[in-house]
Amino acid sequence: MNWFKGRFKYAFQGLYYAFTKDRSIRLQGIFGLIVILFGFLFRCSLNEWMLLIGAISLVWFSEIINSCIERCVDYISLEHTDQAKHIKDMAAGAVFIISVLAACIGLYVFLPKLF
């Protein structure tokens, strides 16, 4: 059972570190909280909440993975190489794709409520 509790401890430590030390993750966290606030203001249905929470989670997940990739690349090589740049750019591109998906979900949920 202690092993199981330890997994949660490490996970929460990682999340705490991510949200306190990484500006991009913190910014995505703020955007996520704004979306949640709008969800309450517009009285979203259960299905809409599932879409919104799923989108927020995907963005946070991709941003955390992106930061991990960037830190690994920086740890492995102190030099600025084309290969390191391409790795970081591709990871950022993945975050962009997820962010566009999240924006589309937000528009799908909130646009009908605005008009």
PDB file of N, CA and C in Angstrom:
ATOM      1  N   MET A   1       0.825  -1.200   0.000  1.00  0.00           N
ATOM      2  CA  MET A   1       0.000   0.000   0.000  1.00  0.00           C
ATOM      3  C   MET A   1       0.867   1.261   0.000  1.00  0.00           C
ATOM      4  N   ASN A   2       1.997   1.220   0.711  1.00  0.00           N
ATOM      5  CA  ASN A   2       2.889   2.384   0.715  1.00  0.00           C
ATOM      6  C   ASN A   2       3.413   2.686  -0.681  1.00  0.00           C
ATOM      7  N   TRP A   3       3.679   1.627  -1.455  1.00  0.00           N
ATOM      8  CA  TRP A   3       4.136   1.819  -2.827  1.00  0.00           C
ATOM      9  C   TRP A   3       3.092   2.600  -3.611  1.00  0.00           C
ATOM     10  N   PHE A   4       1.835   2.234  -3.405  1.00  0.00           N
ATOM     11  CA  PHE A   4       0.732   2.886  -4.111  1.00  0.00           C
ATOM     12  C   PHE A   4       0.628   4.357  -3.702  1.00  0.00           C
ATOM     13  N   LYS A   5       0.710   4.633  -2.402  1.00  0.00           N
ATOM     14  CA  LYS A   5       0.658   6.009  -1.921  1.00  0.00           C
ATOM     15  C   LYS A   5       1.827   6.821  -2.461  1.00  0.00           C
ATOM     16  N   GLY A   6       2.980   6.180  -2.569  1.00  0.00           N
ATOM     17  CA  GLY A   6       4.164   6.855  -3.087  1.00  0.00           C
ATOM     18  C   GLY A   6       3.972   7.343  -4.501  1.00  0.00           C
ATOM     19  N   ARG A   7       3.266   6.563  -5.322  1.00  0.00           N
ATOM     20  CA  ARG A   7       3.009   6.962  -6.708  1.00  0.00           C
ATOM     21  C   ARG A   7       2.225   8.274  -6.750  1.00  0.00           C
ATOM     22  N   PHE A   8       1.218   8.405  -5.893  1.00  0.00           N
ATOM     23  CA  PHE A   8       0.448   9.638  -5.841  1.00  0.00           C
ATOM     24  C   PHE A   8       1.317  10.788  -5.344  1.00  0.00           C
ATOM     25  N   LYS A   9       2.136  10.518  -4.344  1.00  0.00           N
ATOM     26  CA  LYS A   9       3.022  11.545  -3.796  1.00  0.00           C
ATOM     27  C   LYS A   9       3.924  12.098  -4.893  1.00  0.00           C
ATOM     28  N   TYR A  10       4.558  11.211  -5.661  1.00  0.00           N
ATOM     29  CA  TYR A  10       5.457  11.655  -6.723  1.00  0.00           C
ATOM     30  C   TYR A  10       4.705  12.402  -7.819  1.00  0.00           C
ATOM     31  N   ALA A  11       3.518  11.932  -8.139  1.00  0.00           N
ATOM     32  CA  ALA A  11       2.708  12.584  -9.171  1.00  0.00           C
ATOM     33  C   ALA A  11       2.334  14.003  -8.736  1.00  0.00           C
ATOM     34  N   PHE A  12       1.894  14.152  -7.498  1.00  0.00           N
ATOM     35  CA  PHE A  12       1.519  15.479  -7.018  1.00  0.00           C
ATOM     36  C   PHE A  12       2.728  16.393  -6.889  1.00  0.00           C
ATOM     37  N   GLN A  13       3.876  15.832  -6.527  1.00  0.00           N
ATOM     38  CA  GLN A  13       5.104  16.632  -6.499  1.00  0.00           C
ATOM     39  C   GLN A  13       5.440  17.131  -7.905  1.00  0.00           C
ATOM     40  N   GLY A  14       5.274  16.264  -8.897  1.00  0.00           N
ATOM     41  CA  GLY A  14       5.533  16.654 -10.277  1.00  0.00           C
ATOM     42  C   GLY A  14       4.586  17.739 -10.747  1.00  0.00           C
ATOM     43  N   LEU A  15       3.307  17.593 -10.421  1.00  0.00           N
ATOM     44  CA  LEU A  15       2.330  18.614 -10.801  1.00  0.00           C
ATOM     45  C   LEU A  15       2.612  19.939 -10.094  1.00  0.00           C
ATOM     46  N   TYR A  16       2.961  19.859  -8.820  1.00  0.00           N
ATOM     47  CA  TYR A  16       3.292  21.074  -8.066  1.00  0.00           C
ATOM     48  C   TYR A  16       4.480  21.780  -8.713  1.00  0.00           C
ATOM     49  N   TYR A  17       5.516  21.014  -9.018  1.00  0.00           N
ATOM     50  CA  TYR A  17       6.694  21.592  -9.662  1.00  0.00           C
ATOM     51  C   TYR A  17       6.325  22.207 -11.014  1.00  0.00           C
ATOM     52  N   ALA A  18       5.542  21.479 -11.792  1.00  0.00           N
ATOM     53  CA  ALA A  18       5.165  21.966 -13.124  1.00  0.00           C
ATOM     54  C   ALA A  18       4.430  23.294 -13.036  1.00  0.00           C
ATOM     55  N   PHE A  19       3.460  23.389 -12.145  1.00  0.00           N
ATOM     56  CA  PHE A  19       2.633  24.591 -12.079  1.00  0.00           C
ATOM     57  C   PHE A  19       3.303  25.746 -11.339  1.00  0.00           C
ATOM     58  N   THR A  20       4.322  25.465 -10.531  1.00  0.00           N
ATOM     59  CA  THR A  20       4.995  26.555  -9.824  1.00  0.00           C
ATOM     60  C   THR A  20       6.264  27.025 -10.519  1.00  0.00           C
ATOM     61  N   LYS A  21       6.885  26.175 -11.326  1.00  0.00           N
ATOM     62  CA  LYS A  21       8.181  26.517 -11.916  1.00  0.00           C
ATOM     63  C   LYS A  21       8.145  26.773 -13.417  1.00  0.00           C
ATOM     64  N   ASP A  22       7.076  26.405 -14.097  1.00  0.00           N
ATOM     65  CA  ASP A  22       7.031  26.549 -15.549  1.00  0.00           C
ATOM     66  C   ASP A  22       5.952  27.555 -15.937  1.00  0.00           C
ATOM     67  N   ARG A  23       6.377  28.648 -16.534  1.00  0.00           N
ATOM     68  CA  ARG A  23       5.469  29.743 -16.882  1.00  0.00           C
ATOM     69  C   ARG A  23       4.400  29.305 -17.882  1.00  0.00           C
ATOM     70  N   SER A  24       4.773  28.509 -18.878  1.00  0.00           N
ATOM     71  CA  SER A  24       3.803  28.079 -19.894  1.00  0.00           C
ATOM     72  C   SER A  24       2.721  27.202 -19.285  1.00  0.00           C
ATOM     73  N   ILE A  25       3.116  26.302 -18.411  1.00  0.00           N
ATOM     74  CA  ILE A  25       2.136  25.428 -17.764  1.00  0.00           C
ATOM     75  C   ILE A  25       1.226  26.252 -16.859  1.00  0.00           C
ATOM     76  N   ARG A  26       1.796  27.196 -16.146  1.00  0.00           N
ATOM     77  CA  ARG A  26       0.997  28.061 -15.274  1.00  0.00           C
ATOM     78  C   ARG A  26       0.000  28.873 -16.109  1.00  0.00           C
ATOM     79  N   LEU A  27       0.430  29.390 -17.248  1.00  0.00           N
ATOM     80  CA  LEU A  27      -0.461  30.150 -18.122  1.00  0.00           C
ATOM     81  C   LEU A  27      -1.601  29.269 -18.617  1.00  0.00           C
ATOM     82  N   GLN A  28      -1.296  28.040 -19.017  1.00  0.00           N
ATOM     83  CA  GLN A  28      -2.349  27.115 -19.455  1.00  0.00           C
ATOM     84  C   GLN A  28      -3.297  26.798 -18.298  1.00  0.00           C
ATOM     85  N   GLY A  29      -2.755  26.743 -17.083  1.00  0.00           N
ATOM     86  CA  GLY A  29      -3.592  26.531 -15.901  1.00  0.00           C
ATOM     87  C   GLY A  29      -4.571  27.676 -15.698  1.00  0.00           C
ATOM     88  N   ILE A  30      -4.104  28.904 -15.897  1.00  0.00           N
ATOM     89  CA  ILE A  30      -4.975  30.076 -15.783  1.00  0.00           C
ATOM     90  C   ILE A  30      -6.067  30.031 -16.849  1.00  0.00           C
ATOM     91  N   PHE A  31      -5.672  29.708 -18.094  1.00  0.00           N
ATOM     92  CA  PHE A  31      -6.677  29.586 -19.155  1.00  0.00           C
ATOM     93  C   PHE A  31      -7.706  28.502 -18.813  1.00  0.00           C
ATOM     94  N   GLY A  32      -7.232  27.388 -18.263  1.00  0.00           N
ATOM     95  CA  GLY A  32      -8.138  26.312 -17.873  1.00  0.00           C
ATOM     96  C   GLY A  32      -9.130  26.759 -16.812  1.00  0.00           C
ATOM     97  N   LEU A  33      -8.651  27.518 -15.835  1.00  0.00           N
ATOM     98  CA  LEU A  33      -9.548  28.030 -14.790  1.00  0.00           C
ATOM     99  C   LEU A  33     -10.570  29.014 -15.361  1.00  0.00           C
ATOM    100  N   ILE A  34     -10.153  29.815 -16.328  1.00  0.00           N
ATOM    101  CA  ILE A  34     -11.093  30.741 -16.986  1.00  0.00           C
ATOM    102  C   ILE A  34     -12.183  29.961 -17.718  1.00  0.00           C
ATOM    103  N   VAL A  35     -11.788  28.889 -18.397  1.00  0.00           N
ATOM    104  CA  VAL A  35     -12.772  28.053 -19.099  1.00  0.00           C
ATOM    105  C   VAL A  35     -13.745  27.433 -18.096  1.00  0.00           C
ATOM    106  N   ILE A  36     -13.235  26.965 -16.969  1.00  0.00           N
ATOM    107  CA  ILE A  36     -14.101  26.390 -15.930  1.00  0.00           C
ATOM    108  C   ILE A  36     -15.074  27.445 -15.402  1.00  0.00           C
ATOM    109  N   LEU A  37     -14.587  28.657 -15.188  1.00  0.00           N
ATOM    110  CA  LEU A  37     -15.455  29.746 -14.736  1.00  0.00           C
ATOM    111  C   LEU A  37     -16.570  30.000 -15.752  1.00  0.00           C
ATOM    112  N   PHE A  38     -16.204  30.068 -17.049  1.00  0.00           N
ATOM    113  CA  PHE A  38     -17.222  30.247 -18.084  1.00  0.00           C
ATOM    114  C   PHE A  38     -18.197  29.070 -18.107  1.00  0.00           C
ATOM    115  N   GLY A  39     -17.703  27.867 -17.847  1.00  0.00           N
ATOM    116  CA  GLY A  39     -18.586  26.705 -17.801  1.00  0.00           C
ATOM    117  C   GLY A  39     -19.663  26.852 -16.750  1.00  0.00           C
ATOM    118  N   PHE A  40     -19.280  27.399 -15.584  1.00  0.00           N
ATOM    119  CA  PHE A  40     -20.272  27.651 -14.536  1.00  0.00           C
ATOM    120  C   PHE A  40     -21.205  28.795 -14.909  1.00  0.00           C
ATOM    121  N   LEU A  41     -20.641  29.862 -15.460  1.00  0.00           N
ATOM    122  CA  LEU A  41     -21.458  31.016 -15.824  1.00  0.00           C
ATOM    123  C   LEU A  41     -22.505  30.675 -16.883  1.00  0.00           C
ATOM    124  N   PHE A  42     -22.124  29.839 -17.838  1.00  0.00           N
ATOM    125  CA  PHE A  42     -23.034  29.478 -18.925  1.00  0.00           C
ATOM    126  C   PHE A  42     -23.814  28.194 -18.637  1.00  0.00           C
ATOM    127  N   ARG A  43     -23.661  27.665 -17.440  1.00  0.00           N
ATOM    128  CA  ARG A  43     -24.401  26.471 -17.007  1.00  0.00           C
ATOM    129  C   ARG A  43     -24.302  25.333 -18.024  1.00  0.00           C
ATOM    130  N   CYS A  44     -23.078  24.893 -18.231  1.00  0.00           N
ATOM    131  CA  CYS A  44     -22.827  23.821 -19.205  1.00  0.00           C
ATOM    132  C   CYS A  44     -23.475  22.514 -18.770  1.00  0.00           C
ATOM    133  N   SER A  45     -23.876  21.741 -19.749  1.00  0.00           N
ATOM    134  CA  SER A  45     -24.440  20.412 -19.487  1.00  0.00           C
ATOM    135  C   SER A  45     -23.310  19.450 -19.114  1.00  0.00           C
ATOM    136  N   LEU A  46     -23.678  18.259 -18.681  1.00  0.00           N
ATOM    137  CA  LEU A  46     -22.677  17.254 -18.319  1.00  0.00           C
ATOM    138  C   LEU A  46     -21.789  16.911 -19.513  1.00  0.00           C
ATOM    139  N   ASN A  47     -22.399  16.750 -20.685  1.00  0.00           N
ATOM    140  CA  ASN A  47     -21.605  16.444 -21.885  1.00  0.00           C
ATOM    141  C   ASN A  47     -20.649  17.580 -22.231  1.00  0.00           C
ATOM    142  N   GLU A  48     -21.105  18.810 -22.079  1.00  0.00           N
ATOM    143  CA  GLU A  48     -20.229  19.957 -22.347  1.00  0.00           C
ATOM    144  C   GLU A  48     -19.078  20.004 -21.351  1.00  0.00           C
ATOM    145  N   TRP A  49     -19.387  19.699 -20.084  1.00  0.00           N
ATOM    146  CA  TRP A  49     -18.327  19.653 -19.070  1.00  0.00           C
ATOM    147  C   TRP A  49     -17.289  18.587 -19.412  1.00  0.00           C
ATOM    148  N   MET A  50     -17.753  17.461 -19.891  1.00  0.00           N
ATOM    149  CA  MET A  50     -16.815  16.391 -20.258  1.00  0.00           C
ATOM    150  C   MET A  50     -15.897  16.850 -21.386  1.00  0.00           C
ATOM    151  N   LEU A  51     -16.449  17.531 -22.372  1.00  0.00           N
ATOM    152  CA  LEU A  51     -15.638  18.063 -23.466  1.00  0.00           C
ATOM    153  C   LEU A  51     -14.633  19.095 -22.950  1.00  0.00           C
ATOM    154  N   LEU A  52     -15.093  20.008 -22.115  1.00  0.00           N
ATOM    155  CA  LEU A  52     -14.222  21.069 -21.612  1.00  0.00           C
ATOM    156  C   LEU A  52     -13.103  20.518 -20.720  1.00  0.00           C
ATOM    157  N   ILE A  53     -13.457  19.645 -19.801  1.00  0.00           N
ATOM    158  CA  ILE A  53     -12.444  19.065 -18.904  1.00  0.00           C
ATOM    159  C   ILE A  53     -11.466  18.210 -19.704  1.00  0.00           C
ATOM    160  N   GLY A  54     -11.965  17.487 -20.700  1.00  0.00           N
ATOM    161  CA  GLY A  54     -11.080  16.705 -21.558  1.00  0.00           C
ATOM    162  C   GLY A  54     -10.103  17.592 -22.316  1.00  0.00           C
ATOM    163  N   ALA A  55     -10.602  18.706 -22.851  1.00  0.00           N
ATOM    164  CA  ALA A  55      -9.744  19.634 -23.591  1.00  0.00           C
ATOM    165  C   ALA A  55      -8.701  20.268 -22.673  1.00  0.00           C
ATOM    166  N   ILE A  56      -9.123  20.708 -21.502  1.00  0.00           N
ATOM    167  CA  ILE A  56      -8.190  21.306 -20.542  1.00  0.00           C
ATOM    168  C   ILE A  56      -7.115  20.294 -20.156  1.00  0.00           C
ATOM    169  N   SER A  57      -7.530  19.072 -19.890  1.00  0.00           N
ATOM    170  CA  SER A  57      -6.581  18.024 -19.493  1.00  0.00           C
ATOM    171  C   SER A  57      -5.577  17.721 -20.599  1.00  0.00           C
ATOM    172  N   LEU A  58      -6.059  17.659 -21.827  1.00  0.00           N
ATOM    173  CA  LEU A  58      -5.155  17.406 -22.953  1.00  0.00           C
ATOM    174  C   LEU A  58      -4.127  18.518 -23.117  1.00  0.00           C
ATOM    175  N   VAL A  59      -4.564  19.760 -22.964  1.00  0.00           N
ATOM    176  CA  VAL A  59      -3.626  20.879 -23.084  1.00  0.00           C
ATOM    177  C   VAL A  59      -2.593  20.820 -21.961  1.00  0.00           C
ATOM    178  N   TRP A  60      -3.032  20.613 -20.725  1.00  0.00           N
ATOM    179  CA  TRP A  60      -2.083  20.514 -19.605  1.00  0.00           C
ATOM    180  C   TRP A  60      -1.112  19.361 -19.818  1.00  0.00           C
ATOM    181  N   PHE A  61      -1.649  18.227 -20.225  1.00  0.00           N
ATOM    182  CA  PHE A  61      -0.808  17.049 -20.471  1.00  0.00           C
ATOM    183  C   PHE A  61       0.250  17.345 -21.528  1.00  0.00           C
ATOM    184  N   SER A  62      -0.192  17.902 -22.647  1.00  0.00           N
ATOM    185  CA  SER A  62       0.762  18.155 -23.732  1.00  0.00           C
ATOM    186  C   SER A  62       1.787  19.212 -23.330  1.00  0.00           C
ATOM    187  N   GLU A  63       1.381  20.204 -22.567  1.00  0.00           N
ATOM    188  CA  GLU A  63       2.314  21.244 -22.125  1.00  0.00           C
ATOM    189  C   GLU A  63       3.349  20.666 -21.147  1.00  0.00           C
ATOM    190  N   ILE A  64       2.916  19.780 -20.272  1.00  0.00           N
ATOM    191  CA  ILE A  64       3.851  19.150 -19.335  1.00  0.00           C
ATOM    192  C   ILE A  64       4.833  18.252 -20.093  1.00  0.00           C
ATOM    193  N   ILE A  65       4.335  17.472 -21.041  1.00  0.00           N
ATOM    194  CA  ILE A  65       5.224  16.613 -21.844  1.00  0.00           C
ATOM    195  C   ILE A  65       6.201  17.469 -22.639  1.00  0.00           C
ATOM    196  N   ASN A  66       5.713  18.562 -23.220  1.00  0.00           N
ATOM    197  CA  ASN A  66       6.585  19.469 -23.966  1.00  0.00           C
ATOM    198  C   ASN A  66       7.706  19.999 -23.069  1.00  0.00           C
ATOM    199  N   SER A  67       7.358  20.413 -21.870  1.00  0.00           N
ATOM    200  CA  SER A  67       8.375  20.930 -20.948  1.00  0.00           C
ATOM    201  C   SER A  67       9.382  19.855 -20.563  1.00  0.00           C
ATOM    202  N   CYS A  68       8.897  18.628 -20.371  1.00  0.00           N
ATOM    203  CA  CYS A  68       9.812  17.522 -20.066  1.00  0.00           C
ATOM    204  C   CYS A  68      10.775  17.272 -21.223  1.00  0.00           C
ATOM    205  N   ILE A  69      10.268  17.284 -22.432  1.00  0.00           N
ATOM    206  CA  ILE A  69      11.118  17.080 -23.616  1.00  0.00           C
ATOM    207  C   ILE A  69      12.154  18.194 -23.707  1.00  0.00           C
ATOM    208  N   GLU A  70      11.715  19.437 -23.524  1.00  0.00           N
ATOM    209  CA  GLU A  70      12.661  20.553 -23.594  1.00  0.00           C
ATOM    210  C   GLU A  70      13.753  20.437 -22.539  1.00  0.00           C
ATOM    211  N   ARG A  71      13.365  20.073 -21.314  1.00  0.00           N
ATOM    212  CA  ARG A  71      14.361  19.936 -20.249  1.00  0.00           C
ATOM    213  C   ARG A  71      15.310  18.770 -20.517  1.00  0.00           C
ATOM    214  N   CYS A  72      14.793  17.689 -21.062  1.00  0.00           N
ATOM    215  CA  CYS A  72      15.667  16.550 -21.404  1.00  0.00           C
ATOM    216  C   CYS A  72      16.678  16.947 -22.472  1.00  0.00           C
ATOM    217  N   VAL A  73      16.219  17.657 -23.493  1.00  0.00           N
ATOM    218  CA  VAL A  73      17.118  18.091 -24.561  1.00  0.00           C
ATOM    219  C   VAL A  73      18.188  19.030 -23.990  1.00  0.00           C
ATOM    220  N   ASP A  74      17.779  19.953 -23.130  1.00  0.00           N
ATOM    221  CA  ASP A  74      18.738  20.875 -22.521  1.00  0.00           C
ATOM    222  C   ASP A  74      19.716  20.127 -21.612  1.00  0.00           C
ATOM    223  N   TYR A  75      19.244  19.099 -20.945  1.00  0.00           N
ATOM    224  CA  TYR A  75      20.093  18.321 -20.043  1.00  0.00           C
ATOM    225  C   TYR A  75      21.126  17.502 -20.824  1.00  0.00           C
ATOM    226  N   ILE A  76      20.692  16.933 -21.932  1.00  0.00           N
ATOM    227  CA  ILE A  76      21.567  16.071 -22.731  1.00  0.00           C
ATOM    228  C   ILE A  76      22.640  16.883 -23.447  1.00  0.00           C
ATOM    229  N   SER A  77      22.263  18.042 -23.973  1.00  0.00           N
ATOM    230  CA  SER A  77      23.205  18.823 -24.768  1.00  0.00           C
ATOM    231  C   SER A  77      23.135  20.284 -24.375  1.00  0.00           C
ATOM    232  N   LEU A  78      24.264  20.827 -23.990  1.00  0.00           N
ATOM    233  CA  LEU A  78      24.313  22.245 -23.668  1.00  0.00           C
ATOM    234  C   LEU A  78      24.479  23.102 -24.916  1.00  0.00           C
ATOM    235  N   GLU A  79      24.820  22.463 -26.020  1.00  0.00           N
ATOM    236  CA  GLU A  79      25.003  23.175 -27.278  1.00  0.00           C
ATOM    237  C   GLU A  79      23.660  23.405 -27.958  1.00  0.00           C
ATOM    238  N   HIS A  80      23.572  24.507 -28.672  1.00  0.00           N
ATOM    239  CA  HIS A  80      22.380  24.777 -29.479  1.00  0.00           C
ATOM    240  C   HIS A  80      22.617  24.177 -30.861  1.00  0.00           C
ATOM    241  N   THR A  81      21.994  23.034 -31.107  1.00  0.00           N
ATOM    242  CA  THR A  81      22.165  22.350 -32.389  1.00  0.00           C
ATOM    243  C   THR A  81      20.849  22.364 -33.157  1.00  0.00           C
ATOM    244  N   ASP A  82      20.952  22.139 -34.459  1.00  0.00           N
ATOM    245  CA  ASP A  82      19.731  22.053 -35.272  1.00  0.00           C
ATOM    246  C   ASP A  82      18.850  20.900 -34.818  1.00  0.00           C
ATOM    247  N   GLN A  83      19.482  19.781 -34.468  1.00  0.00           N
ATOM    248  CA  GLN A  83      18.718  18.614 -34.031  1.00  0.00           C
ATOM    249  C   GLN A  83      17.935  18.926 -32.753  1.00  0.00           C
ATOM    250  N   ALA A  84      18.568  19.580 -31.779  1.00  0.00           N
ATOM    251  CA  ALA A  84      17.877  19.941 -30.539  1.00  0.00           C
ATOM    252  C   ALA A  84      16.726  20.905 -30.833  1.00  0.00           C
ATOM    253  N   LYS A  85      16.973  21.855 -31.734  1.00  0.00           N
ATOM    254  CA  LYS A  85      15.931  22.807 -32.113  1.00  0.00           C
ATOM    255  C   LYS A  85      14.744  22.097 -32.745  1.00  0.00           C
ATOM    256  N   HIS A  86      14.999  21.149 -33.634  1.00  0.00           N
ATOM    257  CA  HIS A  86      13.913  20.425 -34.292  1.00  0.00           C
ATOM    258  C   HIS A  86      13.103  19.612 -33.280  1.00  0.00           C
ATOM    259  N   ILE A  87      13.773  18.990 -32.332  1.00  0.00           N
ATOM    260  CA  ILE A  87      13.063  18.217 -31.298  1.00  0.00           C
ATOM    261  C   ILE A  87      12.144  19.133 -30.497  1.00  0.00           C
ATOM    262  N   LYS A  88      12.672  20.267 -30.062  1.00  0.00           N
ATOM    263  CA  LYS A  88      11.868  21.207 -29.274  1.00  0.00           C
ATOM    264  C   LYS A  88      10.729  21.790 -30.103  1.00  0.00           C
ATOM    265  N   ASP A  89      11.003  22.105 -31.365  1.00  0.00           N
ATOM    266  CA  ASP A  89       9.964  22.660 -32.233  1.00  0.00           C
ATOM    267  C   ASP A  89       8.832  21.666 -32.477  1.00  0.00           C
ATOM    268  N   MET A  90       9.184  20.400 -32.659  1.00  0.00           N
ATOM    269  CA  MET A  90       8.140  19.387 -32.873  1.00  0.00           C
ATOM    270  C   MET A  90       7.287  19.214 -31.619  1.00  0.00           C
ATOM    271  N   ALA A  91       7.910  19.228 -30.446  1.00  0.00           N
ATOM    272  CA  ALA A  91       7.144  19.118 -29.203  1.00  0.00           C
ATOM    273  C   ALA A  91       6.214  20.321 -29.054  1.00  0.00           C
ATOM    274  N   ALA A  92       6.704  21.510 -29.380  1.00  0.00           N
ATOM    275  CA  ALA A  92       5.856  22.710 -29.325  1.00  0.00           C
ATOM    276  C   ALA A  92       4.727  22.610 -30.349  1.00  0.00           C
ATOM    277  N   GLY A  93       5.014  22.035 -31.509  1.00  0.00           N
ATOM    278  CA  GLY A  93       3.979  21.834 -32.520  1.00  0.00           C
ATOM    279  C   GLY A  93       2.862  20.927 -32.027  1.00  0.00           C
ATOM    280  N   ALA A  94       3.230  19.903 -31.259  1.00  0.00           N
ATOM    281  CA  ALA A  94       2.217  19.005 -30.698  1.00  0.00           C
ATOM    282  C   ALA A  94       1.306  19.766 -29.734  1.00  0.00           C
ATOM    283  N   VAL A  95       1.884  20.640 -28.922  1.00  0.00           N
ATOM    284  CA  VAL A  95       1.078  21.459 -28.007  1.00  0.00           C
ATOM    285  C   VAL A  95       0.143  22.363 -28.812  1.00  0.00           C
ATOM    286  N   PHE A  96       0.651  22.908 -29.898  1.00  0.00           N
ATOM    287  CA  PHE A  96      -0.164  23.774 -30.743  1.00  0.00           C
ATOM    288  C   PHE A  96      -1.375  23.023 -31.302  1.00  0.00           C
ATOM    289  N   ILE A  97      -1.158  21.806 -31.772  1.00  0.00           N
ATOM    290  CA  ILE A  97      -2.263  20.998 -32.318  1.00  0.00           C
ATOM    291  C   ILE A  97      -3.330  20.770 -31.258  1.00  0.00           C
ATOM    292  N   ILE A  98      -2.909  20.389 -30.067  1.00  0.00           N
ATOM    293  CA  ILE A  98      -3.858  20.147 -28.971  1.00  0.00           C
ATOM    294  C   ILE A  98      -4.564  21.448 -28.581  1.00  0.00           C
ATOM    295  N   SER A  99      -3.828  22.552 -28.590  1.00  0.00           N
ATOM    296  CA  SER A  99      -4.431  23.845 -28.244  1.00  0.00           C
ATOM    297  C   SER A  99      -5.478  24.265 -29.261  1.00  0.00           C
ATOM    298  N   VAL A 100      -5.239  24.007 -30.537  1.00  0.00           N
ATOM    299  CA  VAL A 100      -6.230  24.313 -31.570  1.00  0.00           C
ATOM    300  C   VAL A 100      -7.473  23.443 -31.363  1.00  0.00           C
ATOM    301  N   LEU A 101      -7.269  22.170 -31.060  1.00  0.00           N
ATOM    302  CA  LEU A 101      -8.394  21.286 -30.762  1.00  0.00           C
ATOM    303  C   LEU A 101      -9.194  21.822 -29.576  1.00  0.00           C
ATOM    304  N   ALA A 102      -8.491  22.238 -28.517  1.00  0.00           N
ATOM    305  CA  ALA A 102      -9.166  22.765 -27.331  1.00  0.00           C
ATOM    306  C   ALA A 102      -9.948  24.032 -27.670  1.00  0.00           C
ATOM    307  N   ALA A 103      -9.371  24.894 -28.499  1.00  0.00           N
ATOM    308  CA  ALA A 103     -10.077  26.112 -28.910  1.00  0.00           C
ATOM    309  C   ALA A 103     -11.339  25.765 -29.704  1.00  0.00           C
ATOM    310  N   CYS A 104     -11.241  24.776 -30.568  1.00  0.00           N
ATOM    311  CA  CYS A 104     -12.421  24.340 -31.340  1.00  0.00           C
ATOM    312  C   CYS A 104     -13.499  23.799 -30.411  1.00  0.00           C
ATOM    313  N   ILE A 105     -13.096  23.033 -29.412  1.00  0.00           N
ATOM    314  CA  ILE A 105     -14.068  22.516 -28.433  1.00  0.00           C
ATOM    315  C   ILE A 105     -14.706  23.676 -27.680  1.00  0.00           C
ATOM    316  N   GLY A 106     -13.890  24.662 -27.273  1.00  0.00           N
ATOM    317  CA  GLY A 106     -14.431  25.835 -26.582  1.00  0.00           C
ATOM    318  C   GLY A 106     -15.434  26.586 -27.432  1.00  0.00           C
ATOM    319  N   LEU A 107     -15.120  26.762 -28.709  1.00  0.00           N
ATOM    320  CA  LEU A 107     -16.063  27.422 -29.619  1.00  0.00           C
ATOM    321  C   LEU A 107     -17.340  26.614 -29.777  1.00  0.00           C
ATOM    322  N   TYR A 108     -17.192  25.290 -29.894  1.00  0.00           N
ATOM    323  CA  TYR A 108     -18.348  24.407 -30.040  1.00  0.00           C
ATOM    324  C   TYR A 108     -19.273  24.523 -28.827  1.00  0.00           C
ATOM    325  N   VAL A 109     -18.700  24.613 -27.648  1.00  0.00           N
ATOM    326  CA  VAL A 109     -19.504  24.663 -26.418  1.00  0.00           C
ATOM    327  C   VAL A 109     -20.070  26.062 -26.186  1.00  0.00           C
ATOM    328  N   PHE A 110     -19.236  27.098 -26.351  1.00  0.00           N
ATOM    329  CA  PHE A 110     -19.640  28.436 -25.902  1.00  0.00           C
ATOM    330  C   PHE A 110     -20.317  29.303 -26.968  1.00  0.00           C
ATOM    331  N   LEU A 111     -20.013  29.125 -28.242  1.00  0.00           N
ATOM    332  CA  LEU A 111     -20.626  29.969 -29.263  1.00  0.00           C
ATOM    333  C   LEU A 111     -22.156  29.898 -29.261  1.00  0.00           C
ATOM    334  N   PRO A 112     -22.748  28.697 -29.201  1.00  0.00           N
ATOM    335  CA  PRO A 112     -24.226  28.646 -29.166  1.00  0.00           C
ATOM    336  C   PRO A 112     -24.805  29.343 -27.948  1.00  0.00           C
ATOM    337  N   LYS A 113     -24.056  29.374 -26.854  1.00  0.00           N
ATOM    338  CA  LYS A 113     -24.564  30.016 -25.639  1.00  0.00           C
ATOM    339  C   LYS A 113     -24.477  31.544 -25.736  1.00  0.00           C
ATOM    340  N   LEU A 114     -23.581  32.029 -26.589  1.00  0.00           N
ATOM    341  CA  LEU A 114     -23.428  33.476 -26.754  1.00  0.00           C
ATOM    342  C   LEU A 114     -24.445  34.056 -27.726  1.00  0.00           C
ATOM    343  N   PHE A 115     -24.930  33.240 -28.662  1.00  0.00           N
ATOM    344  CA  PHE A 115     -25.834  33.754 -29.697  1.00  0.00           C
ATOM    345  C   PHE A 115     -27.188  33.076 -29.641  1.00  0.00           C
TER     346      PHE A 115
END
